[in-house]
Amino acid sequence: MLSTKERIIAAVTLRAVGDAAGISQSAPYRHFADKRALLDAMVRQIIEQLRETVDQARSEAASPAAALNKVVEQYYQFARKYPVRYRLLLEESRADNAVGAEARQAFSAVADLVHDAQKSGQIREGDPQQIVALIFGAVHGMADLEQFGLVKVAADGQSAAALPALLVEMLSRQAPEAA
């Protein structure tokens, strides 16, 4: 049985990319030496999107916890919209190569955000790396549950944002008040 990474890699061909992009089947060969180079470029684009999300959230949010909430929400939306891409990012983050190191560094930026939220007293103490693992595990789980029809999330945007917000709230130092 093929792993997720092997299935993704097997599904990608430079000819199929040309077809999907509406260009000649040989055009991708002028830009990428091989399939590995194409996949690396795809993962680097995802990494850059994650970095930009973190940077934008840091600059626009009123607090570290609000920034973390924004990052979690954006990544959840990404996982819902592009399930194969987020799986590829996770698979590549384990690789012992430059792209794997870049992916791990992008996840570390989220850990830095968690650490800042901890220092401000907004979320509970604990190893920021473990909290990030919890966050991304939950985000990926939520996206998978929805993809497989086990959880229904309305397309209105509000309910889709509710799950990531609940996750960050659960990490909060103070429990929500009883209704």
C-alpha atoms as a PDB file:
ATOM      1  CA  MET A   1       0.000   0.000   0.000  1.00  0.00           C
ATOM      2  CA  LEU A   2       1.352   3.417  -0.946  1.00  0.00           C
ATOM      3  CA  SER A   3       1.801   6.151   1.626  1.00  0.00           C
ATOM      4  CA  THR A   4       0.037   9.486   1.202  1.00  0.00           C
ATOM      5  CA  LYS A   5       3.269  11.024  -0.038  1.00  0.00           C
ATOM      6  CA  GLU A   6       3.817   8.233  -2.562  1.00  0.00           C
ATOM      7  CA  ARG A   7       0.236   8.588  -3.848  1.00  0.00           C
ATOM      8  CA  ILE A   8       0.629  12.356  -4.247  1.00  0.00           C
ATOM      9  CA  ILE A   9       3.959  12.018  -6.015  1.00  0.00           C
ATOM     10  CA  ALA A  10       2.626   9.276  -8.290  1.00  0.00           C
ATOM     11  CA  ALA A  11      -0.369  11.434  -9.242  1.00  0.00           C
ATOM     12  CA  VAL A  12       1.764  14.396 -10.299  1.00  0.00           C
ATOM     13  CA  THR A  13       3.320  14.348 -13.732  1.00  0.00           C
ATOM     14  CA  LEU A  14       4.769  17.289 -15.570  1.00  0.00           C
ATOM     15  CA  ARG A  15       2.537  16.459 -18.535  1.00  0.00           C
ATOM     16  CA  ALA A  16      -0.573  16.471 -16.316  1.00  0.00           C
ATOM     17  CA  VAL A  17       0.529  19.821 -14.883  1.00  0.00           C
ATOM     18  CA  GLY A  18       0.786  21.211 -18.408  1.00  0.00           C
ATOM     19  CA  ASP A  19      -2.682  19.919 -19.225  1.00  0.00           C
ATOM     20  CA  ALA A  20      -4.168  21.289 -15.995  1.00  0.00           C
ATOM     21  CA  ALA A  21      -2.553  24.686 -16.537  1.00  0.00           C
ATOM     22  CA  GLY A  22      -3.818  24.868 -20.108  1.00  0.00           C
ATOM     23  CA  ILE A  23      -0.323  24.962 -21.572  1.00  0.00           C
ATOM     24  CA  SER A  24       1.536  22.492 -23.721  1.00  0.00           C
ATOM     25  CA  GLN A  25       2.469  19.241 -22.049  1.00  0.00           C
ATOM     26  CA  SER A  26       6.145  19.995 -22.555  1.00  0.00           C
ATOM     27  CA  ALA A  27       6.077  23.547 -21.129  1.00  0.00           C
ATOM     28  CA  PRO A  28       6.652  22.487 -17.492  1.00  0.00           C
ATOM     29  CA  TYR A  29       9.910  20.816 -18.553  1.00  0.00           C
ATOM     30  CA  ARG A  30      11.268  24.279 -19.381  1.00  0.00           C
ATOM     31  CA  HIS A  31      10.654  25.410 -15.793  1.00  0.00           C
ATOM     32  CA  PHE A  32      11.278  22.280 -13.715  1.00  0.00           C
ATOM     33  CA  ALA A  33      14.072  19.762 -14.140  1.00  0.00           C
ATOM     34  CA  ASP A  34      11.856  16.931 -12.926  1.00  0.00           C
ATOM     35  CA  LYS A  35       8.869  16.002 -10.793  1.00  0.00           C
ATOM     36  CA  ARG A  36      10.835  16.485  -7.555  1.00  0.00           C
ATOM     37  CA  ALA A  37      11.650  20.089  -8.534  1.00  0.00           C
ATOM     38  CA  LEU A  38       7.970  20.735  -9.276  1.00  0.00           C
ATOM     39  CA  LEU A  39       6.876  19.275  -5.921  1.00  0.00           C
ATOM     40  CA  ASP A  40       9.539  21.297  -4.096  1.00  0.00           C
ATOM     41  CA  ALA A  41       8.239  24.457  -5.774  1.00  0.00           C
ATOM     42  CA  MET A  42       4.672  23.579  -4.742  1.00  0.00           C
ATOM     43  CA  VAL A  43       5.693  23.002  -1.127  1.00  0.00           C
ATOM     44  CA  ARG A  44       7.720  26.211  -1.047  1.00  0.00           C
ATOM     45  CA  GLN A  45       4.661  28.128  -2.249  1.00  0.00           C
ATOM     46  CA  ILE A  46       2.595  26.629   0.591  1.00  0.00           C
ATOM     47  CA  ILE A  47       5.359  27.478   3.083  1.00  0.00           C
ATOM     48  CA  GLU A  48       5.444  31.056   1.842  1.00  0.00           C
ATOM     49  CA  GLN A  49       1.654  31.324   2.244  1.00  0.00           C
ATOM     50  CA  LEU A  50       1.938  30.068   5.829  1.00  0.00           C
ATOM     51  CA  ARG A  51       4.722  32.566   6.575  1.00  0.00           C
ATOM     52  CA  GLU A  52       2.702  35.414   5.075  1.00  0.00           C
ATOM     53  CA  THR A  53      -0.332  34.392   7.122  1.00  0.00           C
ATOM     54  CA  VAL A  54       1.711  34.454  10.333  1.00  0.00           C
ATOM     55  CA  ASP A  55       3.332  37.795   9.479  1.00  0.00           C
ATOM     56  CA  GLN A  56       0.019  39.401   8.539  1.00  0.00           C
ATOM     57  CA  ALA A  57      -1.713  38.076  11.656  1.00  0.00           C
ATOM     58  CA  ARG A  58       1.100  39.397  13.860  1.00  0.00           C
ATOM     59  CA  SER A  59       0.914  42.855  12.315  1.00  0.00           C
ATOM     60  CA  GLU A  60      -2.885  43.187  12.240  1.00  0.00           C
ATOM     61  CA  ALA A  61      -4.115  41.390  15.356  1.00  0.00           C
ATOM     62  CA  ALA A  62      -4.686  43.171  18.644  1.00  0.00           C
ATOM     63  CA  SER A  63      -2.985  40.431  20.669  1.00  0.00           C
ATOM     64  CA  PRO A  64      -0.852  37.319  20.241  1.00  0.00           C
ATOM     65  CA  ALA A  65      -3.893  35.102  20.938  1.00  0.00           C
ATOM     66  CA  ALA A  66      -5.912  36.958  18.298  1.00  0.00           C
ATOM     67  CA  ALA A  67      -3.028  36.491  15.848  1.00  0.00           C
ATOM     68  CA  LEU A  68      -2.887  32.793  16.691  1.00  0.00           C
ATOM     69  CA  ASN A  69      -6.631  32.517  16.156  1.00  0.00           C
ATOM     70  CA  LYS A  70      -6.265  34.151  12.733  1.00  0.00           C
ATOM     71  CA  VAL A  71      -3.439  31.781  11.734  1.00  0.00           C
ATOM     72  CA  VAL A  72      -5.407  28.729  12.862  1.00  0.00           C
ATOM     73  CA  GLU A  73      -8.495  29.929  10.989  1.00  0.00           C
ATOM     74  CA  GLN A  74      -6.568  30.649   7.787  1.00  0.00           C
ATOM     75  CA  TYR A  75      -4.753  27.326   7.882  1.00  0.00           C
ATOM     76  CA  TYR A  76      -8.030  25.492   8.497  1.00  0.00           C
ATOM     77  CA  GLN A  77      -9.552  27.225   5.474  1.00  0.00           C
ATOM     78  CA  PHE A  78      -6.485  26.226   3.445  1.00  0.00           C
ATOM     79  CA  ALA A  79      -6.756  22.588   4.611  1.00  0.00           C
ATOM     80  CA  ARG A  80     -10.440  22.530   3.669  1.00  0.00           C
ATOM     81  CA  LYS A  81      -9.878  24.048   0.251  1.00  0.00           C
ATOM     82  CA  TYR A  82      -6.648  22.218  -0.653  1.00  0.00           C
ATOM     83  CA  PRO A  83      -6.571  18.893   1.236  1.00  0.00           C
ATOM     84  CA  VAL A  84      -3.879  17.347  -0.948  1.00  0.00           C
ATOM     85  CA  ARG A  85      -1.606  20.364  -0.605  1.00  0.00           C
ATOM     86  CA  TYR A  86      -1.780  20.420   3.178  1.00  0.00           C
ATOM     87  CA  ARG A  87      -1.022  16.694   3.272  1.00  0.00           C
ATOM     88  CA  LEU A  88       1.938  17.257   0.959  1.00  0.00           C
ATOM     89  CA  LEU A  89       3.231  20.000   3.267  1.00  0.00           C
ATOM     90  CA  LEU A  90       3.029  17.688   6.274  1.00  0.00           C
ATOM     91  CA  GLU A  91       4.681  14.843   4.399  1.00  0.00           C
ATOM     92  CA  GLU A  92       7.490  17.074   3.187  1.00  0.00           C
ATOM     93  CA  SER A  93       8.029  18.571   6.653  1.00  0.00           C
ATOM     94  CA  ARG A  94       9.404  15.177   7.665  1.00  0.00           C
ATOM     95  CA  ALA A  95      11.920  15.063   4.815  1.00  0.00           C
ATOM     96  CA  ASP A  96      15.614  15.384   5.545  1.00  0.00           C
ATOM     97  CA  ASN A  97      16.243  17.994   2.862  1.00  0.00           C
ATOM     98  CA  ALA A  98      16.106  21.758   2.371  1.00  0.00           C
ATOM     99  CA  VAL A  99      12.352  21.847   1.736  1.00  0.00           C
ATOM    100  CA  GLY A 100      11.671  19.768   4.845  1.00  0.00           C
ATOM    101  CA  ALA A 101      13.792  22.153   6.907  1.00  0.00           C
ATOM    102  CA  GLU A 102      11.922  25.152   5.463  1.00  0.00           C
ATOM    103  CA  ALA A 103       8.573  23.550   6.329  1.00  0.00           C
ATOM    104  CA  ARG A 104       9.687  22.840   9.898  1.00  0.00           C
ATOM    105  CA  GLN A 105      10.890  26.441  10.188  1.00  0.00           C
ATOM    106  CA  ALA A 106       7.462  27.703   9.063  1.00  0.00           C
ATOM    107  CA  PHE A 107       5.807  25.596  11.762  1.00  0.00           C
ATOM    108  CA  SER A 108       8.318  27.046  14.244  1.00  0.00           C
ATOM    109  CA  ALA A 109       7.024  30.528  13.409  1.00  0.00           C
ATOM    110  CA  VAL A 110       3.634  29.380  14.684  1.00  0.00           C
ATOM    111  CA  ALA A 111       5.342  28.027  17.826  1.00  0.00           C
ATOM    112  CA  ASP A 112       6.849  31.488  18.326  1.00  0.00           C
ATOM    113  CA  LEU A 113       3.347  32.929  18.130  1.00  0.00           C
ATOM    114  CA  VAL A 114       2.154  30.393  20.717  1.00  0.00           C
ATOM    115  CA  HIS A 115       5.083  31.366  22.953  1.00  0.00           C
ATOM    116  CA  ASP A 116       4.167  35.060  22.652  1.00  0.00           C
ATOM    117  CA  ALA A 117       0.549  34.268  23.582  1.00  0.00           C
ATOM    118  CA  GLN A 118       1.825  32.319  26.592  1.00  0.00           C
ATOM    119  CA  LYS A 119       4.096  35.176  27.696  1.00  0.00           C
ATOM    120  CA  SER A 120       1.135  37.558  27.533  1.00  0.00           C
ATOM    121  CA  GLY A 121      -0.865  35.145  29.701  1.00  0.00           C
ATOM    122  CA  GLN A 122      -3.493  34.540  27.031  1.00  0.00           C
ATOM    123  CA  ILE A 123      -3.045  30.824  26.542  1.00  0.00           C
ATOM    124  CA  ARG A 124      -2.024  28.081  28.905  1.00  0.00           C
ATOM    125  CA  GLU A 125       1.563  27.153  29.645  1.00  0.00           C
ATOM    126  CA  GLY A 126       3.250  24.199  28.022  1.00  0.00           C
ATOM    127  CA  ASP A 127       5.779  23.326  25.377  1.00  0.00           C
ATOM    128  CA  PRO A 128       4.957  25.576  22.383  1.00  0.00           C
ATOM    129  CA  GLN A 129       6.013  22.818  19.957  1.00  0.00           C
ATOM    130  CA  GLN A 130       3.538  20.404  21.543  1.00  0.00           C
ATOM    131  CA  ILE A 131       0.792  23.015  21.440  1.00  0.00           C
ATOM    132  CA  VAL A 132       1.531  23.608  17.748  1.00  0.00           C
ATOM    133  CA  ALA A 133       1.354  19.851  17.183  1.00  0.00           C
ATOM    134  CA  LEU A 134      -2.033  19.854  18.923  1.00  0.00           C
ATOM    135  CA  ILE A 135      -3.210  22.805  16.830  1.00  0.00           C
ATOM    136  CA  PHE A 136      -2.148  21.389  13.476  1.00  0.00           C
ATOM    137  CA  GLY A 137      -3.310  17.895  14.402  1.00  0.00           C
ATOM    138  CA  ALA A 138      -6.726  19.281  15.303  1.00  0.00           C
ATOM    139  CA  VAL A 139      -6.887  21.461  12.177  1.00  0.00           C
ATOM    140  CA  HIS A 140      -6.011  18.550   9.935  1.00  0.00           C
ATOM    141  CA  GLY A 141      -8.409  16.286  11.787  1.00  0.00           C
ATOM    142  CA  MET A 142     -11.238  18.811  11.462  1.00  0.00           C
ATOM    143  CA  ALA A 143     -10.562  19.214   7.739  1.00  0.00           C
ATOM    144  CA  ASP A 144     -10.407  15.434   7.237  1.00  0.00           C
ATOM    145  CA  LEU A 145     -13.617  14.843   9.189  1.00  0.00           C
ATOM    146  CA  GLU A 146     -15.360  17.395   7.020  1.00  0.00           C
ATOM    147  CA  GLN A 147     -13.870  16.016   3.807  1.00  0.00           C
ATOM    148  CA  PHE A 148     -15.087  12.513   4.657  1.00  0.00           C
ATOM    149  CA  GLY A 149     -18.546  13.785   5.569  1.00  0.00           C
ATOM    150  CA  LEU A 150     -18.316  13.012   9.279  1.00  0.00           C
ATOM    151  CA  VAL A 151     -18.689  16.669  10.291  1.00  0.00           C
ATOM    152  CA  LYS A 152     -20.791  19.210   8.459  1.00  0.00           C
ATOM    153  CA  VAL A 153     -19.549  22.780   8.284  1.00  0.00           C
ATOM    154  CA  ALA A 154     -21.735  25.308   6.524  1.00  0.00           C
ATOM    155  CA  ALA A 155     -20.141  27.212   3.695  1.00  0.00           C
ATOM    156  CA  ASP A 156     -21.200  30.570   5.166  1.00  0.00           C
ATOM    157  CA  GLY A 157     -17.762  31.216   6.623  1.00  0.00           C
ATOM    158  CA  GLN A 158     -19.032  31.875  10.133  1.00  0.00           C
ATOM    159  CA  SER A 159     -19.438  28.239  11.096  1.00  0.00           C
ATOM    160  CA  ALA A 160     -16.207  27.366   9.305  1.00  0.00           C
ATOM    161  CA  ALA A 161     -14.405  29.896  11.505  1.00  0.00           C
ATOM    162  CA  ALA A 162     -16.106  28.612  14.654  1.00  0.00           C
ATOM    163  CA  LEU A 163     -14.077  25.394  14.901  1.00  0.00           C
ATOM    164  CA  PRO A 164     -10.638  27.057  14.809  1.00  0.00           C
ATOM    165  CA  ALA A 165     -11.848  29.727  17.256  1.00  0.00           C
ATOM    166  CA  LEU A 166     -13.082  27.012  19.608  1.00  0.00           C
ATOM    167  CA  LEU A 167      -9.686  25.319  19.420  1.00  0.00           C
ATOM    168  CA  VAL A 168      -7.828  28.505  20.400  1.00  0.00           C
ATOM    169  CA  GLU A 169     -10.425  29.194  23.101  1.00  0.00           C
ATOM    170  CA  MET A 170      -9.780  25.740  24.542  1.00  0.00           C
ATOM    171  CA  LEU A 171      -6.102  26.640  24.808  1.00  0.00           C
ATOM    172  CA  SER A 172      -7.014  29.807  26.658  1.00  0.00           C
ATOM    173  CA  ARG A 173      -5.881  30.249  30.254  1.00  0.00           C
ATOM    174  CA  GLN A 174      -9.392  31.086  31.379  1.00  0.00           C
ATOM    175  CA  ALA A 175     -12.320  28.799  30.800  1.00  0.00           C
ATOM    176  CA  PRO A 176     -15.346  30.417  29.151  1.00  0.00           C
ATOM    177  CA  GLU A 177     -18.031  31.477  31.600  1.00  0.00           C
ATOM    178  CA  ALA A 178     -20.972  29.143  32.092  1.00  0.00           C
ATOM    179  CA  ALA A 179     -24.112  30.182  30.271  1.00  0.00           C
END
